[in-house]
Amino acid sequence: MTVSAERKATSKTTKLMMAAIAVLGIVLVVLTANAGVALADELVVSFSVGVPVGLGVYLAWVNRESATPTGTGLAAAAGGALIGAWLGFNVTDAGFGFLAPFVAIVGATAGANLALVALDIVWDRQTRRRADEAGANETVAVPSAG
């Protein structure tokens, strides 16, 4: 049984929306638990944005039917999102003030996607190299990246 492209797109959109709601939930919990922490605190914004965005992007990226290792993808998405959130916050902190958390969301999304694209490129090169080495002896079918 195959899943339609429309259903896959809806599933990915739903996962990303859940990550956005998780960002707001974490920020509200932190602000409620510790009233002395500002909304524009660097550490709070970086972690409360980076972790859920990284998880959401990873869940949208992962293919459970694939044979590729998924733990590496989770680490890449989480790391890219944390770095992107931190960079997005610090780039705009001086100029935008309270808009910095929103730009951190954009930075986290870009960082997580960039990390996963880089991971896919590395894995594709390894697959092609193995196919080229095996091609000297026999013909091997290489799955398309599309």
Protein backbone atom coordinates (compact mmCIF):
# COMPACT_ATOMS: atom_id res chain seq x y z
CA MET A 1 0.00 0.00 0.00
CA THR A 2 1.43 3.38 -0.96
CA VAL A 3 0.76 6.69 0.73
CA SER A 4 -0.28 9.57 -1.48
CA ALA A 5 1.94 12.64 -1.84
CA GLU A 6 -0.84 14.84 -0.47
CA ARG A 7 -1.05 12.77 2.71
CA LYS A 8 2.74 12.92 3.15
CA ALA A 9 2.72 16.71 2.75
CA THR A 10 -0.13 17.02 5.25
CA SER A 11 1.71 14.78 7.69
CA LYS A 12 4.88 16.88 7.43
CA THR A 13 2.92 20.12 7.86
CA THR A 14 1.21 18.71 10.93
CA LYS A 15 4.53 17.69 12.46
CA LEU A 16 6.01 21.15 11.88
CA MET A 17 2.92 22.80 13.38
CA MET A 18 3.26 20.57 16.46
CA ALA A 19 6.87 21.73 16.80
CA ALA A 20 5.76 25.37 16.66
CA ILE A 21 3.17 24.75 19.37
CA ALA A 22 5.82 23.00 21.45
CA VAL A 23 8.04 26.10 21.18
CA LEU A 24 5.28 28.27 22.61
CA GLY A 25 4.52 25.73 25.32
CA ILE A 26 8.12 25.51 26.47
CA VAL A 27 8.45 29.30 26.57
CA LEU A 28 5.26 29.59 28.63
CA VAL A 29 6.41 26.91 31.08
CA VAL A 30 9.79 28.58 31.55
CA LEU A 31 8.23 32.00 32.05
CA THR A 32 5.68 30.62 34.51
CA ALA A 33 8.21 28.61 36.51
CA ASN A 34 10.81 31.37 36.68
CA ALA A 35 9.27 34.82 36.45
CA GLY A 36 12.70 36.48 36.69
CA VAL A 37 13.78 35.17 33.26
CA ALA A 38 13.17 37.59 30.42
CA LEU A 39 11.42 36.52 27.23
CA ALA A 40 14.46 37.66 25.27
CA ASP A 41 16.97 35.63 27.31
CA GLU A 42 19.58 34.02 25.05
CA LEU A 43 19.68 30.61 26.74
CA VAL A 44 15.91 30.30 27.12
CA VAL A 45 15.24 31.25 23.51
CA SER A 46 18.02 29.07 22.06
CA PHE A 47 16.88 25.90 23.82
CA SER A 48 13.13 26.48 23.80
CA VAL A 49 13.24 27.15 20.06
CA GLY A 50 16.07 24.84 18.97
CA VAL A 51 14.91 21.59 20.57
CA PRO A 52 11.30 21.48 19.29
CA VAL A 53 12.18 22.87 15.87
CA GLY A 54 14.98 20.31 15.52
CA LEU A 55 12.63 17.51 16.53
CA GLY A 56 9.91 18.74 14.17
CA VAL A 57 12.25 19.04 11.20
CA TYR A 58 13.69 15.59 11.97
CA LEU A 59 10.21 14.03 12.12
CA ALA A 60 9.33 15.65 8.80
CA TRP A 61 12.60 14.40 7.25
CA VAL A 62 12.76 10.83 8.52
CA ASN A 63 11.54 7.97 6.37
CA ARG A 64 10.70 5.06 8.63
CA GLU A 65 10.73 2.62 5.72
CA SER A 66 14.31 3.52 4.76
CA ALA A 67 17.33 1.48 5.74
CA THR A 68 19.42 4.57 6.54
CA PRO A 69 20.36 5.14 10.18
CA THR A 70 18.04 7.65 11.82
CA GLY A 71 20.00 8.49 14.97
CA THR A 72 22.51 10.47 12.96
CA GLY A 73 19.69 12.47 11.39
CA LEU A 74 18.23 13.32 14.78
CA ALA A 75 21.61 14.52 16.04
CA ALA A 76 22.18 16.58 12.89
CA ALA A 77 18.72 18.17 13.04
CA ALA A 78 18.95 18.96 16.74
CA GLY A 79 22.48 20.35 16.46
CA GLY A 80 21.66 22.42 13.40
CA ALA A 81 18.51 23.79 15.04
CA LEU A 82 20.31 24.74 18.25
CA ILE A 83 23.11 26.48 16.36
CA GLY A 84 20.62 28.17 14.02
CA ALA A 85 18.46 29.40 16.93
CA TRP A 86 21.50 30.76 18.73
CA LEU A 87 22.78 32.51 15.61
CA GLY A 88 19.35 33.86 14.72
CA PHE A 89 18.89 35.24 18.21
CA ASN A 90 22.32 36.85 18.39
CA VAL A 91 22.22 38.35 14.91
CA THR A 92 18.99 40.21 15.64
CA ASP A 93 19.20 40.79 19.38
CA ALA A 94 20.69 44.27 19.16
CA GLY A 95 18.44 45.52 16.39
CA PHE A 96 15.09 43.86 17.00
CA GLY A 97 14.82 43.24 20.76
CA PHE A 98 11.62 41.26 21.33
CA LEU A 99 11.51 40.12 17.69
CA ALA A 100 14.73 38.17 18.24
CA PRO A 101 12.90 34.99 19.41
CA PHE A 102 10.86 34.96 16.20
CA VAL A 103 13.96 35.32 14.05
CA ALA A 104 15.53 32.55 16.15
CA ILE A 105 12.73 30.25 14.94
CA VAL A 106 13.65 31.04 11.33
CA GLY A 107 17.34 30.46 12.13
CA ALA A 108 16.60 27.14 13.85
CA THR A 109 14.54 25.93 10.90
CA ALA A 110 17.22 26.94 8.42
CA GLY A 111 19.99 25.37 10.54
CA ALA A 112 18.19 22.05 10.96
CA ASN A 113 17.33 21.82 7.26
CA LEU A 114 20.87 22.75 6.25
CA ALA A 115 22.31 20.05 8.50
CA LEU A 116 19.97 17.40 7.07
CA VAL A 117 20.66 18.42 3.48
CA ALA A 118 24.40 18.17 4.16
CA LEU A 119 23.87 14.74 5.73
CA ASP A 120 21.87 13.57 2.70
CA ILE A 121 24.63 14.78 0.35
CA VAL A 122 27.29 12.88 2.32
CA TRP A 123 25.20 9.70 2.36
CA ASP A 124 24.48 9.99 -1.38
CA ARG A 125 28.19 10.36 -2.16
CA GLN A 126 28.99 7.27 -0.10
CA THR A 127 26.32 5.29 -1.93
CA ARG A 128 27.63 6.39 -5.32
CA ARG A 129 31.22 5.60 -4.36
CA ARG A 130 30.24 2.09 -3.23
CA ALA A 131 28.30 1.59 -6.45
CA ASP A 132 31.30 2.73 -8.51
CA GLU A 133 33.60 0.34 -6.66
CA ALA A 134 31.16 -2.52 -7.10
CA GLY A 135 30.57 -1.50 -10.73
CA ALA A 136 34.05 -2.64 -11.64
CA ASN A 137 32.99 -6.18 -10.78
CA GLU A 138 29.24 -6.17 -11.43
CA THR A 139 26.31 -3.91 -12.12
CA VAL A 140 24.55 -2.54 -9.03
CA ALA A 141 21.25 -0.65 -9.01
CA VAL A 142 21.50 2.72 -7.24
CA PRO A 143 18.23 4.23 -5.99
CA SER A 144 17.45 7.70 -7.27
CA ALA A 145 17.58 10.60 -4.83
CA GLY A 146 14.31 12.05 -6.16
